[in-house]
Amino acid sequence: MSLMESCFRQHRLRMVMVATIAVTLTACQPLALVSPADPLTERAMLEYATRLQLHLGSMAELAGKPEGSYEANWRSYQEMDAQLAALITRASVYAGNTSCAVQDAVYQRLQNTFGQALPFPVKTAAQTGSSAAQACHTLLLTQVRQQLAILQQIHRDTDRCGAYSCLRPATAADAKAITDQAIRAVFVIEAAKAGHATIQP
């Protein structure tokens, strides 16, 4: 098993559950996600997702060349991380000290799927409010940021293409699949907050 697979495997289970939370939040009725939709976060995440996919595509094409080395691209990671950090701070302010919570029926469905030990800090509530929704949002964004950090570490310390650090095409493809899941989960939460329950992760 490669280091990339090992690093991402522990996050895959978390993100499968995160995506399940996102789906069940939009699928269970009645649902009280009273937190208003956040156009700024939605736009910022669309911008981040676009930039990340362009980065992964470019790194796959430039693997083995000086232009594809970590040294030539470290600033891109810094800028993407700063964007996510700002979004997390913003969501945390709105969440306050509230924990991420889902409705009792949603929690039961998660237990039926994953067993008693859920690999994610989720509480239950008869009805979810705005602070609880923002707290879940904070956790989702934090997952996206952690995945970016893993990708950066692999580019800097692990993947080698001849004399250069690189992101091998296979690494970029796996990273894209896993980070897409996390990013789409953020969009699903935003869709639920806006009252649109048709988007699927």
Protein backbone atom coordinates (compact mmCIF):
# COMPACT_ATOMS: atom_id res chain seq x y z
CA MET A 1 0.00 0.00 0.00
CA SER A 2 1.40 3.40 -0.95
CA LEU A 3 1.76 6.21 1.57
CA MET A 4 -0.88 8.17 -0.33
CA GLU A 5 -3.35 5.27 0.01
CA SER A 6 -2.51 4.87 3.70
CA CYS A 7 -2.90 8.59 4.41
CA PHE A 8 -6.18 8.88 2.57
CA ARG A 9 -7.73 5.61 3.80
CA GLN A 10 -8.36 6.92 7.31
CA HIS A 11 -10.00 10.01 5.82
CA ARG A 12 -12.06 8.00 3.34
CA LEU A 13 -14.19 6.41 6.08
CA ARG A 14 -14.73 9.79 7.68
CA MET A 15 -15.73 11.35 4.40
CA VAL A 16 -18.08 8.49 3.50
CA MET A 17 -19.86 9.22 6.75
CA VAL A 18 -19.72 12.97 6.12
CA ALA A 19 -21.27 12.45 2.70
CA THR A 20 -23.90 10.22 4.33
CA ILE A 21 -24.69 12.99 6.79
CA ALA A 22 -25.07 15.39 3.88
CA VAL A 23 -27.41 13.04 2.03
CA THR A 24 -29.49 12.17 5.07
CA LEU A 25 -29.79 15.82 6.03
CA THR A 26 -31.42 16.46 2.68
CA ALA A 27 -33.38 13.18 2.53
CA CYS A 28 -35.04 12.92 5.96
CA GLN A 29 -38.38 14.61 6.54
CA PRO A 30 -39.30 16.66 8.42
CA LEU A 31 -36.00 18.54 8.32
CA ALA A 32 -35.22 21.80 10.09
CA LEU A 33 -32.01 23.17 8.69
CA VAL A 34 -32.91 26.73 9.55
CA SER A 35 -29.46 28.17 8.94
CA PRO A 36 -29.74 30.45 5.91
CA ALA A 37 -27.88 29.61 2.73
CA ASP A 38 -24.49 31.27 2.54
CA PRO A 39 -23.74 32.52 -1.00
CA LEU A 40 -20.26 33.70 0.01
CA THR A 41 -19.23 30.25 1.23
CA GLU A 42 -20.79 28.59 -1.79
CA ARG A 43 -18.92 30.90 -4.19
CA ALA A 44 -15.65 30.51 -2.27
CA MET A 45 -15.94 26.72 -2.31
CA LEU A 46 -16.69 26.72 -6.04
CA GLU A 47 -13.58 28.84 -6.57
CA TYR A 48 -11.52 26.52 -4.36
CA ALA A 49 -12.80 23.39 -6.10
CA THR A 50 -12.03 24.86 -9.52
CA ARG A 51 -8.53 25.88 -8.47
CA LEU A 52 -7.79 22.51 -6.88
CA GLN A 53 -8.89 20.57 -9.96
CA LEU A 54 -6.78 22.79 -12.21
CA HIS A 55 -3.84 22.30 -9.86
CA LEU A 56 -4.20 18.52 -9.86
CA GLY A 57 -4.53 18.41 -13.63
CA SER A 58 -1.47 20.60 -14.12
CA MET A 59 0.63 18.62 -11.66
CA ALA A 60 -0.25 15.36 -13.39
CA GLU A 61 0.81 16.82 -16.74
CA LEU A 62 4.00 18.36 -15.36
CA ALA A 63 5.15 15.37 -13.30
CA GLY A 64 8.87 14.87 -13.86
CA LYS A 65 9.47 18.45 -14.98
CA PRO A 66 10.84 21.34 -12.89
CA GLU A 67 7.53 23.20 -13.30
CA GLY A 68 5.72 20.33 -11.57
CA SER A 69 7.96 20.17 -8.52
CA TYR A 70 6.74 21.12 -5.07
CA GLU A 71 9.30 23.92 -4.96
CA ALA A 72 7.68 25.51 -8.00
CA ASN A 73 4.14 25.21 -6.60
CA TRP A 74 4.30 25.61 -2.83
CA ARG A 75 2.64 29.02 -3.00
CA SER A 76 -0.50 27.51 -4.51
CA TYR A 77 -0.88 25.28 -1.45
CA GLN A 78 -0.37 28.26 0.85
CA GLU A 79 -3.05 30.28 -0.94
CA MET A 80 -5.59 27.44 -1.01
CA ASP A 81 -4.97 26.71 2.67
CA ALA A 82 -5.44 30.38 3.57
CA GLN A 83 -8.77 30.42 1.73
CA LEU A 84 -10.01 27.36 3.61
CA ALA A 85 -8.75 28.72 6.94
CA ALA A 86 -10.77 31.89 6.43
CA LEU A 87 -13.92 29.91 5.62
CA ILE A 88 -13.44 27.72 8.70
CA THR A 89 -12.99 30.77 10.93
CA ARG A 90 -16.13 32.35 9.50
CA ALA A 91 -18.21 29.20 10.01
CA SER A 92 -16.80 28.74 13.53
CA VAL A 93 -17.86 32.25 14.52
CA TYR A 94 -21.44 31.56 13.45
CA ALA A 95 -21.43 28.15 15.17
CA GLY A 96 -20.14 29.51 18.47
CA ASN A 97 -19.73 26.74 21.03
CA THR A 98 -22.45 24.59 19.48
CA SER A 99 -21.57 21.03 18.49
CA CYS A 100 -22.47 19.44 15.19
CA ALA A 101 -25.89 17.83 15.59
CA VAL A 102 -28.30 15.89 13.42
CA GLN A 103 -31.86 14.79 14.02
CA ASP A 104 -32.48 11.62 16.00
CA ALA A 105 -33.75 9.77 12.93
CA VAL A 106 -30.65 10.77 10.97
CA TYR A 107 -28.36 9.60 13.76
CA GLN A 108 -30.17 6.26 13.89
CA ARG A 109 -29.61 5.76 10.18
CA LEU A 110 -25.92 6.50 10.65
CA GLN A 111 -25.68 3.94 13.45
CA ASN A 112 -27.40 1.34 11.29
CA THR A 113 -24.80 1.98 8.58
CA PHE A 114 -21.59 2.32 10.61
CA GLY A 115 -22.33 0.62 13.91
CA GLN A 116 -22.18 2.14 17.38
CA ALA A 117 -18.76 3.81 17.08
CA LEU A 118 -19.25 6.61 14.58
CA PRO A 119 -15.89 7.98 13.36
CA PHE A 120 -17.09 11.57 13.52
CA PRO A 121 -18.17 13.82 16.41
CA VAL A 122 -21.93 14.04 15.82
CA LYS A 123 -24.61 14.66 18.44
CA THR A 124 -28.35 14.12 18.12
CA ALA A 125 -31.18 16.60 18.53
CA ALA A 126 -34.92 16.54 18.02
CA GLN A 127 -34.50 19.51 15.70
CA THR A 128 -31.34 20.99 14.20
CA GLY A 129 -30.86 24.75 14.34
CA SER A 130 -28.61 27.28 12.69
CA SER A 131 -25.67 26.94 15.09
CA ALA A 132 -25.66 23.14 14.84
CA ALA A 133 -25.72 23.35 11.05
CA GLN A 134 -22.78 25.78 11.05
CA ALA A 135 -20.89 23.46 13.40
CA CYS A 136 -21.35 20.59 10.94
CA HIS A 137 -20.24 22.95 8.19
CA THR A 138 -17.07 23.74 10.13
CA LEU A 139 -16.26 20.03 10.39
CA LEU A 140 -16.76 19.54 6.65
CA LEU A 141 -14.47 22.44 5.78
CA THR A 142 -11.88 21.17 8.25
CA GLN A 143 -11.90 17.80 6.48
CA VAL A 144 -11.28 19.52 3.15
CA ARG A 145 -8.36 21.42 4.67
CA GLN A 146 -6.86 18.28 6.19
CA GLN A 147 -7.00 16.54 2.82
CA LEU A 148 -5.20 19.47 1.21
CA ALA A 149 -2.47 19.19 3.86
CA ILE A 150 -2.04 15.48 3.08
CA LEU A 151 -1.80 16.23 -0.62
CA GLN A 152 0.81 18.92 0.06
CA GLN A 153 2.86 16.52 2.19
CA ILE A 154 2.80 13.85 -0.52
CA HIS A 155 3.89 16.39 -3.15
CA ARG A 156 6.68 17.72 -0.94
CA ASP A 157 8.01 14.57 0.73
CA THR A 158 6.82 11.38 -0.96
CA ASP A 159 6.24 11.33 -4.70
CA ARG A 160 9.39 11.53 -6.83
CA CYS A 161 9.65 11.72 -10.61
CA GLY A 162 13.32 11.35 -11.38
CA ALA A 163 15.20 14.22 -9.79
CA TYR A 164 12.07 16.21 -8.89
CA SER A 165 9.35 16.11 -6.29
CA CYS A 166 6.03 15.63 -8.04
CA LEU A 167 2.42 14.49 -7.91
CA ARG A 168 2.23 11.34 -9.98
CA PRO A 169 -0.85 11.07 -12.24
CA ALA A 170 -2.17 8.16 -10.15
CA THR A 171 -1.75 10.19 -6.96
CA ALA A 172 -3.52 13.18 -8.49
CA ALA A 173 -6.39 10.97 -9.69
CA ASP A 174 -6.89 9.37 -6.26
CA ALA A 175 -6.65 12.73 -4.52
CA LYS A 176 -9.23 14.19 -6.91
CA ALA A 177 -11.70 11.38 -6.19
CA ILE A 178 -11.39 11.74 -2.43
CA THR A 179 -11.36 15.53 -2.24
CA ASP A 180 -14.31 15.70 -4.65
CA GLN A 181 -16.32 13.75 -2.09
CA ALA A 182 -15.54 16.23 0.66
CA ILE A 183 -16.16 19.29 -1.49
CA ARG A 184 -19.46 17.93 -2.83
CA ALA A 185 -20.55 17.27 0.75
CA VAL A 186 -20.07 20.98 1.50
CA PHE A 187 -22.23 21.88 -1.50
CA VAL A 188 -24.93 19.41 -0.39
CA ILE A 189 -25.09 21.06 3.04
CA GLU A 190 -25.42 24.47 1.39
CA ALA A 191 -28.18 23.11 -0.85
CA ALA A 192 -30.02 21.76 2.19
CA LYS A 193 -29.75 25.13 3.92
CA ALA A 194 -31.17 26.79 0.83
CA GLY A 195 -34.06 24.34 0.74
CA HIS A 196 -32.94 22.46 -2.37
CA ALA A 197 -32.83 18.75 -1.60
CA THR A 198 -32.11 17.42 -5.07
CA ILE A 199 -28.30 17.67 -5.20
CA GLN A 200 -26.57 14.34 -4.59
CA PRO A 201 -22.94 13.86 -3.50
